[in-house]
N, C-alpha and C. Protein backbone atom coordinates (compact mmCIF):
# COMPACT_ATOMS: atom_id res chain seq x y z
N MET A 1 18.87 16.61 9.01
CA MET A 1 17.46 16.89 9.22
C MET A 1 16.96 17.75 8.05
N THR A 2 15.80 17.40 7.52
CA THR A 2 15.21 18.15 6.41
C THR A 2 14.22 19.17 6.97
N PRO A 3 13.70 20.05 6.10
CA PRO A 3 12.64 20.95 6.56
C PRO A 3 11.40 20.18 7.03
N PHE A 4 11.36 18.90 6.71
CA PHE A 4 10.24 18.05 7.10
C PHE A 4 10.56 17.23 8.34
N GLY A 5 11.42 17.74 9.19
CA GLY A 5 11.73 17.07 10.45
C GLY A 5 12.62 15.87 10.26
N ALA A 6 12.20 14.74 10.81
CA ALA A 6 13.02 13.53 10.81
C ALA A 6 12.85 12.70 9.54
N LEU A 7 12.22 13.26 8.51
CA LEU A 7 12.09 12.51 7.26
C LEU A 7 13.43 12.45 6.54
N VAL A 8 13.70 11.30 5.97
CA VAL A 8 14.90 11.09 5.16
C VAL A 8 14.43 10.87 3.73
N ILE A 9 14.96 11.66 2.80
CA ILE A 9 14.53 11.61 1.41
C ILE A 9 15.71 11.16 0.56
N ASN A 10 15.52 10.07 -0.18
CA ASN A 10 16.56 9.53 -1.06
C ASN A 10 16.01 9.36 -2.46
N VAL A 11 16.82 9.72 -3.45
CA VAL A 11 16.47 9.49 -4.84
C VAL A 11 17.25 8.27 -5.29
N LEU A 12 16.51 7.26 -5.74
CA LEU A 12 17.11 6.00 -6.18
C LEU A 12 16.64 5.73 -7.60
N GLY A 13 17.45 6.09 -8.59
CA GLY A 13 17.02 5.94 -9.98
C GLY A 13 15.82 6.82 -10.24
N GLY A 14 14.73 6.23 -10.69
CA GLY A 14 13.51 6.97 -10.95
C GLY A 14 12.54 6.97 -9.79
N ASN A 15 13.03 6.68 -8.59
CA ASN A 15 12.18 6.62 -7.40
C ASN A 15 12.63 7.64 -6.36
N ILE A 16 11.66 8.10 -5.59
CA ILE A 16 11.94 8.92 -4.42
C ILE A 16 11.44 8.13 -3.22
N ARG A 17 12.34 7.80 -2.32
CA ARG A 17 12.00 7.02 -1.12
C ARG A 17 12.06 7.95 0.08
N VAL A 18 10.98 7.95 0.84
CA VAL A 18 10.89 8.78 2.04
C VAL A 18 10.71 7.85 3.24
N THR A 19 11.55 8.03 4.23
CA THR A 19 11.47 7.25 5.46
C THR A 19 11.42 8.19 6.65
N LEU A 20 10.91 7.69 7.75
CA LEU A 20 10.91 8.43 9.01
C LEU A 20 11.94 7.80 9.92
N ALA A 21 12.95 8.57 10.27
CA ALA A 21 14.02 8.07 11.14
C ALA A 21 13.43 7.52 12.44
N GLY A 22 13.93 6.37 12.87
CA GLY A 22 13.50 5.76 14.12
C GLY A 22 12.16 5.05 14.05
N SER A 23 11.69 4.78 12.83
CA SER A 23 10.40 4.09 12.69
C SER A 23 10.50 3.08 11.55
N ASN A 24 9.40 2.34 11.36
CA ASN A 24 9.35 1.43 10.21
C ASN A 24 8.60 2.05 9.04
N TYR A 25 8.31 3.35 9.11
CA TYR A 25 7.59 4.03 8.04
C TYR A 25 8.50 4.32 6.86
N ALA A 26 8.06 3.90 5.68
CA ALA A 26 8.77 4.19 4.44
C ALA A 26 7.75 4.14 3.30
N VAL A 27 7.93 5.02 2.33
CA VAL A 27 7.08 5.03 1.15
C VAL A 27 7.97 5.38 -0.05
N THR A 28 7.67 4.74 -1.18
CA THR A 28 8.41 5.00 -2.41
C THR A 28 7.45 5.57 -3.44
N TYR A 29 7.87 6.66 -4.06
CA TYR A 29 7.09 7.31 -5.12
C TYR A 29 7.86 7.22 -6.43
N HIS A 30 7.12 7.20 -7.53
CA HIS A 30 7.73 7.25 -8.85
C HIS A 30 6.87 8.13 -9.74
N LYS A 31 7.42 8.56 -10.85
CA LYS A 31 6.71 9.45 -11.78
C LYS A 31 6.63 8.75 -13.13
N PRO A 32 5.51 8.07 -13.40
CA PRO A 32 5.34 7.46 -14.72
C PRO A 32 5.27 8.55 -15.80
N ARG A 33 5.74 8.25 -16.97
CA ARG A 33 5.70 9.23 -18.07
C ARG A 33 4.27 9.64 -18.40
N SER A 34 3.33 8.74 -18.22
CA SER A 34 1.94 9.02 -18.57
C SER A 34 1.19 9.78 -17.47
N SER A 35 1.85 10.10 -16.38
CA SER A 35 1.19 10.76 -15.25
C SER A 35 1.81 12.12 -14.99
N PRO A 36 0.98 13.13 -14.69
CA PRO A 36 1.52 14.46 -14.37
C PRO A 36 2.02 14.56 -12.93
N GLN A 37 1.83 13.52 -12.15
CA GLN A 37 2.20 13.58 -10.73
C GLN A 37 2.87 12.29 -10.28
N LEU A 38 3.41 12.35 -9.07
CA LEU A 38 4.02 11.16 -8.46
C LEU A 38 2.94 10.17 -8.06
N LEU A 39 3.30 8.90 -8.10
CA LEU A 39 2.43 7.83 -7.61
C LEU A 39 3.20 7.01 -6.59
N ALA A 40 2.50 6.55 -5.57
CA ALA A 40 3.13 5.71 -4.54
C ALA A 40 3.22 4.28 -5.05
N LYS A 41 4.38 3.66 -4.86
CA LYS A 41 4.60 2.26 -5.25
C LYS A 41 4.52 1.34 -4.05
N SER A 42 4.94 1.83 -2.93
CA SER A 42 4.89 1.01 -1.71
C SER A 42 4.55 1.92 -0.55
N LEU A 43 3.73 1.41 0.32
CA LEU A 43 3.26 2.17 1.48
C LEU A 43 3.53 1.38 2.74
N PRO A 44 3.64 2.07 3.88
CA PRO A 44 3.77 1.32 5.13
C PRO A 44 2.50 0.52 5.39
N VAL A 45 2.67 -0.68 5.88
CA VAL A 45 1.53 -1.58 6.08
C VAL A 45 0.95 -1.45 7.48
N ASN A 46 1.81 -1.31 8.47
CA ASN A 46 1.35 -1.30 9.86
C ASN A 46 1.66 0.02 10.55
N GLU A 47 0.82 0.35 11.51
CA GLU A 47 1.05 1.52 12.36
C GLU A 47 2.25 1.23 13.26
N ASP A 48 3.14 2.19 13.39
CA ASP A 48 4.30 2.06 14.29
C ASP A 48 4.00 2.86 15.55
N ARG A 49 3.66 2.17 16.61
CA ARG A 49 3.26 2.84 17.86
C ARG A 49 4.42 3.57 18.53
N HIS A 50 5.65 3.30 18.11
CA HIS A 50 6.81 3.97 18.69
C HIS A 50 7.26 5.17 17.88
N ALA A 51 6.62 5.40 16.74
CA ALA A 51 6.99 6.52 15.86
C ALA A 51 6.53 7.84 16.46
N SER A 52 7.16 8.91 16.01
CA SER A 52 6.83 10.24 16.51
C SER A 52 5.56 10.80 15.89
N MET A 53 4.95 10.06 14.94
CA MET A 53 3.71 10.50 14.30
C MET A 53 2.93 9.27 13.86
N THR A 54 1.67 9.48 13.52
CA THR A 54 0.85 8.37 13.03
C THR A 54 1.21 8.06 11.58
N GLN A 55 0.74 6.93 11.11
CA GLN A 55 0.98 6.54 9.73
C GLN A 55 0.38 7.58 8.78
N GLY A 56 -0.81 8.04 9.07
CA GLY A 56 -1.46 9.06 8.25
C GLY A 56 -0.68 10.36 8.21
N GLU A 57 -0.19 10.79 9.36
CA GLU A 57 0.63 12.01 9.41
C GLU A 57 1.90 11.83 8.59
N PHE A 58 2.52 10.66 8.72
CA PHE A 58 3.73 10.38 7.95
C PHE A 58 3.44 10.46 6.45
N LEU A 59 2.37 9.80 6.01
CA LEU A 59 2.07 9.78 4.58
C LEU A 59 1.79 11.18 4.03
N ALA A 60 1.10 12.01 4.80
CA ALA A 60 0.82 13.38 4.37
C ALA A 60 2.12 14.17 4.24
N LEU A 61 2.98 14.06 5.22
CA LEU A 61 4.26 14.78 5.21
C LEU A 61 5.19 14.22 4.13
N ALA A 62 5.21 12.91 3.97
CA ALA A 62 6.06 12.27 2.95
C ALA A 62 5.64 12.70 1.55
N TRP A 63 4.34 12.81 1.31
CA TRP A 63 3.84 13.25 0.00
C TRP A 63 4.35 14.64 -0.33
N ARG A 64 4.26 15.54 0.64
CA ARG A 64 4.75 16.91 0.43
C ARG A 64 6.25 16.92 0.17
N ALA A 65 7.00 16.17 0.97
CA ALA A 65 8.46 16.12 0.83
C ALA A 65 8.86 15.54 -0.53
N ALA A 66 8.20 14.47 -0.94
CA ALA A 66 8.51 13.84 -2.23
C ALA A 66 8.18 14.76 -3.39
N ASN A 67 7.08 15.48 -3.29
CA ASN A 67 6.72 16.42 -4.35
C ASN A 67 7.70 17.58 -4.43
N ASP A 68 8.15 18.07 -3.30
CA ASP A 68 9.17 19.12 -3.29
C ASP A 68 10.45 18.62 -3.97
N LYS A 69 10.86 17.40 -3.66
CA LYS A 69 12.06 16.82 -4.26
C LYS A 69 11.85 16.62 -5.76
N ALA A 70 10.67 16.15 -6.16
CA ALA A 70 10.37 15.95 -7.58
C ALA A 70 10.42 17.27 -8.34
N ARG A 71 9.91 18.34 -7.75
CA ARG A 71 10.00 19.66 -8.38
C ARG A 71 11.45 20.10 -8.52
N GLU A 72 12.22 19.89 -7.47
CA GLU A 72 13.64 20.23 -7.48
C GLU A 72 14.37 19.49 -8.60
N LEU A 73 13.98 18.25 -8.86
CA LEU A 73 14.60 17.42 -9.90
C LEU A 73 14.03 17.69 -11.29
N GLY A 74 12.96 18.48 -11.37
CA GLY A 74 12.32 18.76 -12.65
C GLY A 74 11.38 17.68 -13.13
N TRP A 75 11.00 16.77 -12.23
CA TRP A 75 10.09 15.68 -12.60
C TRP A 75 8.65 16.16 -12.72
N VAL A 76 8.27 17.12 -11.90
CA VAL A 76 6.92 17.69 -11.93
C VAL A 76 7.05 19.21 -11.89
N VAL A 77 5.98 19.87 -12.33
CA VAL A 77 5.98 21.34 -12.35
C VAL A 77 5.30 21.87 -11.12
């Protein structure tokens, strides 16, 4: 378990993938050289009514978690 609850954060090459355990929510972020911040490459398409949070709540929490991981890796300041 992370400080972000049931979020699972994985670094895959130049990507940070964040998923919510027990749901179909997943988002992948990457850091292009020309950008000072992370950008989302893939977003969840449908609301998961069985998830512990809404899609919007997941995306907000995933963004924070991915940015924390990117800072830890030195990708962003």
